[in-house]
PDB file of N, CA and C in Angstrom:
ATOM      1  N   MET A   1     114.049  40.715 156.092  1.00  0.00           N
ATOM      2  CA  MET A   1     114.381  40.426 154.719  1.00  0.00           C
ATOM      3  C   MET A   1     115.818  40.889 154.473  1.00  0.00           C
ATOM      4  N   GLY A   2     116.612  39.991 153.941  1.00  0.00           N
ATOM      5  CA  GLY A   2     118.004  40.299 153.671  1.00  0.00           C
ATOM      6  C   GLY A   2     118.235  40.650 152.213  1.00  0.00           C
ATOM      7  N   PRO A   3     119.470  40.935 151.857  1.00  0.00           N
ATOM      8  CA  PRO A   3     119.774  41.324 150.476  1.00  0.00           C
ATOM      9  C   PRO A   3     119.551  40.197 149.476  1.00  0.00           C
ATOM     10  N   GLY A   4     119.739  38.949 149.888  1.00  0.00           N
ATOM     11  CA  GLY A   4     119.509  37.826 148.983  1.00  0.00           C
ATOM     12  C   GLY A   4     118.039  37.666 148.643  1.00  0.00           C
ATOM     13  N   LEU A   5     117.193  37.776 149.647  1.00  0.00           N
ATOM     14  CA  LEU A   5     115.756  37.644 149.429  1.00  0.00           C
ATOM     15  C   LEU A   5     115.213  38.830 148.636  1.00  0.00           C
ATOM     16  N   ALA A   6     115.757  40.016 148.894  1.00  0.00           N
ATOM     17  CA  ALA A   6     115.327  41.199 148.143  1.00  0.00           C
ATOM     18  C   ALA A   6     115.682  41.059 146.665  1.00  0.00           C
ATOM     19  N   THR A   7     116.872  40.540 146.375  1.00  0.00           N
ATOM     20  CA  THR A   7     117.266  40.322 144.984  1.00  0.00           C
ATOM     21  C   THR A   7     116.375  39.296 144.324  1.00  0.00           C
ATOM     22  N   LEU A   8     116.006  38.271 145.050  1.00  0.00           N
ATOM     23  CA  LEU A   8     115.111  37.243 144.525  1.00  0.00           C
ATOM     24  C   LEU A   8     113.734  37.814 144.202  1.00  0.00           C
ATOM     25  N   ILE A   9     113.233  38.683 145.060  1.00  0.00           N
ATOM     26  CA  ILE A   9     111.932  39.315 144.818  1.00  0.00           C
ATOM     27  C   ILE A   9     111.992  40.223 143.600  1.00  0.00           C
ATOM     28  N   HIS A  10     113.083  40.990 143.465  1.00  0.00           N
ATOM     29  CA  HIS A  10     113.244  41.858 142.300  1.00  0.00           C
ATOM     30  C   HIS A  10     113.369  41.039 141.019  1.00  0.00           C
ATOM     31  N   ALA A  11     114.057  39.927 141.077  1.00  0.00           N
ATOM     32  CA  ALA A  11     114.211  39.076 139.893  1.00  0.00           C
ATOM     33  C   ALA A  11     112.867  38.509 139.455  1.00  0.00           C
ATOM     34  N   ARG A  12     112.058  38.097 140.413  1.00  0.00           N
ATOM     35  CA  ARG A  12     110.726  37.577 140.067  1.00  0.00           C
ATOM     36  C   ARG A  12     109.814  38.680 139.535  1.00  0.00           C
ATOM     37  N   ALA A  13     109.979  39.913 140.033  1.00  0.00           N
ATOM     38  CA  ALA A  13     109.168  41.027 139.548  1.00  0.00           C
ATOM     39  C   ALA A  13     109.514  41.362 138.102  1.00  0.00           C
ATOM     40  N   VAL A  14     110.788  41.203 137.748  1.00  0.00           N
ATOM     41  CA  VAL A  14     111.224  41.485 136.383  1.00  0.00           C
ATOM     42  C   VAL A  14     110.804  40.367 135.441  1.00  0.00           C
ATOM     43  N   GLY A  15     110.650  39.170 135.968  1.00  0.00           N
ATOM     44  CA  GLY A  15     110.214  38.057 135.139  1.00  0.00           C
ATOM     45  C   GLY A  15     111.198  36.908 135.105  1.00  0.00           C
ATOM     46  N   ILE A  16     112.235  36.954 135.922  1.00  0.00           N
ATOM     47  CA  ILE A  16     113.213  35.875 135.988  1.00  0.00           C
ATOM     48  C   ILE A  16     112.711  34.855 137.005  1.00  0.00           C
ATOM     49  N   ASN A  17     112.459  33.641 136.527  1.00  0.00           N
ATOM     50  CA  ASN A  17     111.975  32.588 137.416  1.00  0.00           C
ATOM     51  C   ASN A  17     113.178  31.829 137.953  1.00  0.00           C
ATOM     52  N   VAL A  18     113.452  31.981 139.236  1.00  0.00           N
ATOM     53  CA  VAL A  18     114.595  31.333 139.873  1.00  0.00           C
ATOM     54  C   VAL A  18     114.095  30.113 140.636  1.00  0.00           C
ATOM     55  N   LYS A  19     114.547  28.933 140.197  1.00  0.00           N
ATOM     56  CA  LYS A  19     114.144  27.702 140.862  1.00  0.00           C
ATOM     57  C   LYS A  19     115.082  27.418 142.024  1.00  0.00           C
ATOM     58  N   LYS A  20     114.618  26.586 142.965  1.00  0.00           N
ATOM     59  CA  LYS A  20     115.360  26.354 144.197  1.00  0.00           C
ATOM     60  C   LYS A  20     116.632  25.531 144.002  1.00  0.00           C
ATOM     61  N   ASN A  21     116.763  24.830 142.906  1.00  0.00           N
ATOM     62  CA  ASN A  21     117.947  24.010 142.707  1.00  0.00           C
ATOM     63  C   ASN A  21     118.984  24.670 141.789  1.00  0.00           C
ATOM     64  N   THR A  22     118.821  25.947 141.480  1.00  0.00           N
ATOM     65  CA  THR A  22     119.777  26.640 140.610  1.00  0.00           C
ATOM     66  C   THR A  22     120.895  27.268 141.439  1.00  0.00           C
ATOM     67  N   GLN A  23     122.000  27.567 140.762  1.00  0.00           N
ATOM     68  CA  GLN A  23     123.150  28.166 141.429  1.00  0.00           C
ATOM     69  C   GLN A  23     122.831  29.582 141.915  1.00  0.00           C
ATOM     70  N   MET A  24     122.008  30.311 141.182  1.00  0.00           N
ATOM     71  CA  MET A  24     121.641  31.675 141.582  1.00  0.00           C
ATOM     72  C   MET A  24     120.891  31.661 142.916  1.00  0.00           C
ATOM     73  N   TYR A  25     119.972  30.712 143.066  1.00  0.00           N
ATOM     74  CA  TYR A  25     119.196  30.622 144.304  1.00  0.00           C
ATOM     75  C   TYR A  25     120.107  30.268 145.476  1.00  0.00           C
ATOM     76  N   VAL A  26     121.041  29.344 145.266  1.00  0.00           N
ATOM     77  CA  VAL A  26     121.964  28.931 146.323  1.00  0.00           C
ATOM     78  C   VAL A  26     122.846  30.109 146.743  1.00  0.00           C
ATOM     79  N   ASN A  27     123.353  30.862 145.763  1.00  0.00           N
ATOM     80  CA  ASN A  27     124.196  32.021 146.075  1.00  0.00           C
ATOM     81  C   ASN A  27     123.418  33.104 146.825  1.00  0.00           C
ATOM     82  N   LEU A  28     122.196  33.364 146.416  1.00  0.00           N
ATOM     83  CA  LEU A  28     121.378  34.364 147.106  1.00  0.00           C
ATOM     84  C   LEU A  28     121.052  33.918 148.528  1.00  0.00           C
ATOM     85  N   LYS A  29     120.847  32.621 148.710  1.00  0.00           N
ATOM     86  CA  LYS A  29     120.585  32.090 150.044  1.00  0.00           C
ATOM     87  C   LYS A  29     121.820  32.250 150.938  1.00  0.00           C
ATOM     88  N   GLN A  30     123.015  32.026 150.378  1.00  0.00           N
ATOM     89  CA  GLN A  30     124.250  32.205 151.150  1.00  0.00           C
ATOM     90  C   GLN A  30     124.470  33.671 151.514  1.00  0.00           C
ATOM     91  N   ILE A  31     124.154  34.571 150.596  1.00  0.00           N
ATOM     92  CA  ILE A  31     124.275  36.003 150.875  1.00  0.00           C
ATOM     93  C   ILE A  31     123.344  36.389 152.014  1.00  0.00           C
ATOM     94  N   ASN A  32     122.145  35.845 151.997  1.00  0.00           N
ATOM     95  CA  ASN A  32     121.168  36.128 153.052  1.00  0.00           C
ATOM     96  C   ASN A  32     121.648  35.596 154.401  1.00  0.00           C
ATOM     97  N   GLN A  33     122.192  34.375 154.424  1.00  0.00           N
ATOM     98  CA  GLN A  33     122.678  33.787 155.669  1.00  0.00           C
ATOM     99  C   GLN A  33     123.864  34.568 156.220  1.00  0.00           C
ATOM    100  N   LYS A  34     124.750  35.023 155.323  1.00  0.00           N
ATOM    101  CA  LYS A  34     125.914  35.783 155.765  1.00  0.00           C
ATOM    102  C   LYS A  34     125.497  37.124 156.361  1.00  0.00           C
ATOM    103  N   SER A  35     124.534  37.781 155.761  1.00  0.00           N
ATOM    104  CA  SER A  35     124.086  39.068 156.293  1.00  0.00           C
ATOM    105  C   SER A  35     123.382  38.891 157.638  1.00  0.00           C
ATOM    106  N   GLN A  36     122.643  37.792 157.807  1.00  0.00           N
ATOM    107  CA  GLN A  36     122.003  37.524 159.086  1.00  0.00           C
ATOM    108  C   GLN A  36     123.040  37.240 160.170  1.00  0.00           C
ATOM    109  N   TYR A  37     124.108  36.518 159.808  1.00  0.00           N
ATOM    110  CA  TYR A  37     125.172  36.232 160.761  1.00  0.00           C
ATOM    111  C   TYR A  37     125.834  37.521 161.232  1.00  0.00           C
ATOM    112  N   HIS A  38     126.176  38.398 160.287  1.00  0.00           N
ATOM    113  CA  HIS A  38     126.830  39.648 160.650  1.00  0.00           C
ATOM    114  C   HIS A  38     125.903  40.541 161.473  1.00  0.00           C
ATOM    115  N   SER A  39     124.624  40.516 161.155  1.00  0.00           N
ATOM    116  CA  SER A  39     123.656  41.309 161.913  1.00  0.00           C
ATOM    117  C   SER A  39     123.580  40.821 163.354  1.00  0.00           C
ATOM    118  N   ARG A  40     123.520  39.490 163.551  1.00  0.00           N
ATOM    119  CA  ARG A  40     123.483  38.949 164.913  1.00  0.00           C
ATOM    120  C   ARG A  40     124.787  39.237 165.645  1.00  0.00           C
ATOM    121  N   ARG A  41     125.912  39.135 164.942  1.00  0.00           N
ATOM    122  CA  ARG A  41     127.204  39.352 165.566  1.00  0.00           C
ATOM    123  C   ARG A  41     127.358  40.787 166.040  1.00  0.00           C
ATOM    124  N   LYS A  42     126.892  41.733 165.237  1.00  0.00           N
ATOM    125  CA  LYS A  42     127.017  43.133 165.606  1.00  0.00           C
ATOM    126  C   LYS A  42     126.106  43.516 166.775  1.00  0.00           C
ATOM    127  N   LYS A  43     125.099  42.711 167.040  1.00  0.00           N
ATOM    128  CA  LYS A  43     124.213  42.978 168.170  1.00  0.00           C
ATOM    129  C   LYS A  43     124.719  42.364 169.473  1.00  0.00           C
ATOM    130  N   SER A  44     125.767  41.535 169.405  1.00  0.00           N
ATOM    131  CA  SER A  44     126.243  40.844 170.594  1.00  0.00           C
ATOM    132  C   SER A  44     127.021  41.790 171.507  1.00  0.00           C
ATOM    133  N   HIS A  45     127.037  41.447 172.782  1.00  0.00           N
ATOM    134  CA  HIS A  45     127.719  42.259 173.786  1.00  0.00           C
ATOM    135  C   HIS A  45     129.235  42.225 173.574  1.00  0.00           C
ATOM    136  N   GLU A  46     129.778  41.078 173.213  1.00  0.00           N
ATOM    137  CA  GLU A  46     131.222  40.944 173.017  1.00  0.00           C
ATOM    138  C   GLU A  46     131.709  41.842 171.876  1.00  0.00           C
ATOM    139  N   TYR A  47     130.953  41.884 170.777  1.00  0.00           N
ATOM    140  CA  TYR A  47     131.326  42.716 169.640  1.00  0.00           C
ATOM    141  C   TYR A  47     131.292  44.193 170.019  1.00  0.00           C
ATOM    142  N   LYS A  48     130.235  44.605 170.710  1.00  0.00           N
ATOM    143  CA  LYS A  48     130.120  46.004 171.100  1.00  0.00           C
ATOM    144  C   LYS A  48     131.229  46.409 172.070  1.00  0.00           C
ATOM    145  N   GLN A  49     131.596  45.507 172.964  1.00  0.00           N
ATOM    146  CA  GLN A  49     132.651  45.800 173.916  1.00  0.00           C
ATOM    147  C   GLN A  49     134.002  45.915 173.206  1.00  0.00           C
ATOM    148  N   SER A  50     134.283  45.017 172.286  1.00  0.00           N
ATOM    149  CA  SER A  50     135.560  45.092 171.568  1.00  0.00           C
ATOM    150  C   SER A  50     135.625  46.339 170.702  1.00  0.00           C
ATOM    151  N   GLN A  51     134.518  46.717 170.082  1.00  0.00           N
ATOM    152  CA  GLN A  51     134.502  47.939 169.279  1.00  0.00           C
ATOM    153  C   GLN A  51     134.715  49.173 170.149  1.00  0.00           C
ATOM    154  N   TYR A  52     134.152  49.161 171.345  1.00  0.00           N
ATOM    155  CA  TYR A  52     134.341  50.278 172.263  1.00  0.00           C
ATOM    156  C   TYR A  52     135.820  50.412 172.622  1.00  0.00           C
ATOM    157  N   PHE A  53     136.462  49.299 172.931  1.00  0.00           N
ATOM    158  CA  PHE A  53     137.879  49.339 173.287  1.00  0.00           C
ATOM    159  C   PHE A  53     138.735  49.793 172.115  1.00  0.00           C
ATOM    160  N   LEU A  54     138.386  49.358 170.913  1.00  0.00           N
ATOM    161  CA  LEU A  54     139.164  49.761 169.742  1.00  0.00           C
ATOM    162  C   LEU A  54     138.987  51.245 169.420  1.00  0.00           C
ATOM    163  N   LEU A  55     137.765  51.735 169.537  1.00  0.00           N
ATOM    164  CA  LEU A  55     137.506  53.136 169.205  1.00  0.00           C
ATOM    165  C   LEU A  55     138.046  54.099 170.258  1.00  0.00           C
ATOM    166  N   LYS A  56     137.896  53.738 171.517  1.00  0.00           N
ATOM    167  CA  LYS A  56     138.342  54.619 172.593  1.00  0.00           C
ATOM    168  C   LYS A  56     139.808  54.398 172.957  1.00  0.00           C
ATOM    169  N   ARG A  57     140.387  53.324 172.442  1.00  0.00           N
ATOM    170  CA  ARG A  57     141.774  52.955 172.733  1.00  0.00           C
ATOM    171  C   ARG A  57     142.017  52.819 174.234  1.00  0.00           C
ATOM    172  N   VAL A  58     141.071  52.185 174.886  1.00  0.00           N
ATOM    173  CA  VAL A  58     141.222  51.878 176.304  1.00  0.00           C
ATOM    174  C   VAL A  58     141.343  50.370 176.426  1.00  0.00           C
ATOM    175  N   SER A  59     141.829  49.917 177.546  1.00  0.00           N
ATOM    176  CA  SER A  59     141.999  48.481 177.706  1.00  0.00           C
ATOM    177  C   SER A  59     141.245  47.998 178.928  1.00  0.00           C
ATOM    178  N   ASN A  60     140.788  46.792 178.843  1.00  0.00           N
ATOM    179  CA  ASN A  60     140.144  46.117 179.947  1.00  0.00           C
ATOM    180  C   ASN A  60     141.170  45.129 180.491  1.00  0.00           C
ATOM    181  N   ARG A  61     141.669  45.364 181.688  1.00  0.00           N
ATOM    182  CA  ARG A  61     142.770  44.554 182.222  1.00  0.00           C
ATOM    183  C   ARG A  61     142.469  43.054 182.262  1.00  0.00           C
ATOM    184  N   PRO A  62     141.287  42.633 182.699  1.00  0.00           N
ATOM    185  CA  PRO A  62     141.045  41.181 182.676  1.00  0.00           C
ATOM    186  C   PRO A  62     141.051  40.597 181.265  1.00  0.00           C
ATOM    187  N   LEU A  63     140.575  41.352 180.293  1.00  0.00           N
ATOM    188  CA  LEU A  63     140.561  40.843 178.927  1.00  0.00           C
ATOM    189  C   LEU A  63     141.959  40.790 178.335  1.00  0.00           C
ATOM    190  N   LEU A  64     142.776  41.780 178.618  1.00  0.00           N
ATOM    191  CA  LEU A  64     144.084  41.885 177.996  1.00  0.00           C
ATOM    192  C   LEU A  64     145.209  41.304 178.842  1.00  0.00           C
ATOM    193  N   GLN A  65     144.888  40.674 179.955  1.00  0.00           N
ATOM    194  CA  GLN A  65     145.927  40.178 180.854  1.00  0.00           C
ATOM    195  C   GLN A  65     146.792  39.113 180.187  1.00  0.00           C
ATOM    196  N   GLU A  66     146.189  38.199 179.472  1.00  0.00           N
ATOM    197  CA  GLU A  66     146.939  37.145 178.789  1.00  0.00           C
ATOM    198  C   GLU A  66     147.073  37.429 177.294  1.00  0.00           C
ATOM    199  N   SER A  67     146.848  38.649 176.904  1.00  0.00           N
ATOM    200  CA  SER A  67     146.949  39.014 175.502  1.00  0.00           C
ATOM    201  C   SER A  67     148.408  39.179 175.085  1.00  0.00           C
ATOM    202  N   LEU A  68     148.674  39.060 173.802  1.00  0.00           N
ATOM    203  CA  LEU A  68     150.022  39.289 173.289  1.00  0.00           C
ATOM    204  C   LEU A  68     150.413  40.755 173.382  1.00  0.00           C
ATOM    205  N   TYR A  69     149.415  41.636 173.487  1.00  0.00           N
ATOM    206  CA  TYR A  69     149.672  43.067 173.492  1.00  0.00           C
ATOM    207  C   TYR A  69     149.726  43.660 174.890  1.00  0.00           C
ATOM    208  N   SER A  70     149.783  42.827 175.906  1.00  0.00           N
ATOM    209  CA  SER A  70     149.819  43.346 177.267  1.00  0.00           C
ATOM    210  C   SER A  70     151.177  43.974 177.553  1.00  0.00           C
ATOM    211  N   CYS A  71     151.193  44.949 178.436  1.00  0.00           N
ATOM    212  CA  CYS A  71     152.419  45.677 178.760  1.00  0.00           C
ATOM    213  C   CYS A  71     153.308  44.886 179.702  1.00  0.00           C
ATOM    214  N   GLN A  72     152.720  44.106 180.561  1.00  0.00           N
ATOM    215  CA  GLN A  72     153.504  43.361 181.537  1.00  0.00           C
ATOM    216  C   GLN A  72     153.919  42.018 180.938  1.00  0.00           C
ATOM    217  N   PRO A  73     155.153  41.602 181.182  1.00  0.00           N
ATOM    218  CA  PRO A  73     155.576  40.311 180.626  1.00  0.00           C
ATOM    219  C   PRO A  73     154.863  39.159 181.323  1.00  0.00           C
ATOM    220  N   SER A  74     154.440  38.200 180.535  1.00  0.00           N
ATOM    221  CA  SER A  74     153.775  37.037 181.102  1.00  0.00           C
ATOM    222  C   SER A  74     154.762  35.876 181.156  1.00  0.00           C
ATOM    223  N   SER A  75     154.319  34.780 181.712  1.00  0.00           N
ATOM    224  CA  SER A  75     155.208  33.624 181.842  1.00  0.00           C
ATOM    225  C   SER A  75     155.564  33.045 180.481  1.00  0.00           C
ATOM    226  N   SER A  76     154.669  33.187 179.499  1.00  0.00           N
ATOM    227  CA  SER A  76     154.954  32.637 178.174  1.00  0.00           C
ATOM    228  C   SER A  76     156.079  33.406 177.489  1.00  0.00           C
ATOM    229  N   CYS A  77     156.247  34.698 177.797  1.00  0.00           N
ATOM    230  CA  CYS A  77     157.338  35.476 177.218  1.00  0.00           C
ATOM    231  C   CYS A  77     158.681  35.020 177.773  1.00  0.00           C
ATOM    232  N   GLU A  78     158.704  34.658 179.039  1.00  0.00           N
ATOM    233  CA  GLU A  78     159.947  34.215 179.650  1.00  0.00           C
ATOM    234  C   GLU A  78     160.366  32.848 179.130  1.00  0.00           C
ATOM    235  N   ASP A  79     159.411  32.007 178.840  1.00  0.00           N
ATOM    236  CA  ASP A  79     159.725  30.676 178.340  1.00  0.00           C
ATOM    237  C   ASP A  79     160.314  30.719 176.935  1.00  0.00           C
ATOM    238  N   HIS A  80     159.880  31.685 176.146  1.00  0.00           N
ATOM    239  CA  HIS A  80     160.278  31.735 174.743  1.00  0.00           C
ATOM    240  C   HIS A  80     161.064  33.013 174.443  1.00  0.00           C
ATOM    241  N   SER A  81     162.158  33.194 175.093  1.00  0.00           N
ATOM    242  CA  SER A  81     162.974  34.381 174.855  1.00  0.00           C
ATOM    243  C   SER A  81     164.147  33.992 173.955  1.00  0.00           C
ATOM    244  N   TYR A  82     163.872  33.749 172.699  1.00  0.00           N
ATOM    245  CA  TYR A  82     164.891  33.268 171.776  1.00  0.00           C
ATOM    246  C   TYR A  82     165.863  34.371 171.375  1.00  0.00           C
ATOM    247  N   GLY A  83     165.390  35.588 171.268  1.00  0.00           N
ATOM    248  CA  GLY A  83     166.231  36.674 170.805  1.00  0.00           C
ATOM    249  C   GLY A  83     167.105  37.288 171.875  1.00  0.00           C
ATOM    250  N   ILE A  84     166.866  36.980 173.134  1.00  0.00           N
ATOM    251  CA  ILE A  84     167.605  37.596 174.225  1.00  0.00           C
ATOM    252  C   ILE A  84     168.807  36.725 174.560  1.00  0.00           C
ATOM    253  N   LYS A  85     170.003  37.355 174.512  1.00  0.00           N
ATOM    254  CA  LYS A  85     171.237  36.630 174.865  1.00  0.00           C
ATOM    255  C   LYS A  85     171.790  37.218 176.152  1.00  0.00           C
ATOM    256  N   ASN A  86     172.182  36.371 177.049  1.00  0.00           N
ATOM    257  CA  ASN A  86     172.736  36.826 178.322  1.00  0.00           C
ATOM    258  C   ASN A  86     174.242  36.921 178.254  1.00  0.00           C
TER     259      ASN A  86
END
């Protein structure tokens, strides 16, 4: 049960009848879908790995090899060296 469904249950307990074609029902359904998406995302291996790297400030060389934040210059940096004058 997500926050949208919980709000819907509380509204019905108070006496507010929310029909399926109203804007309130649509918004609560979107809130529920968004919370489910974030819940699934936080359980994924990729999310946990990226959070580990961010918290520990360590790098995974295969992941960061073609990253913009890599320490070693890549071929794309050499192609686009606009600020460097010889």
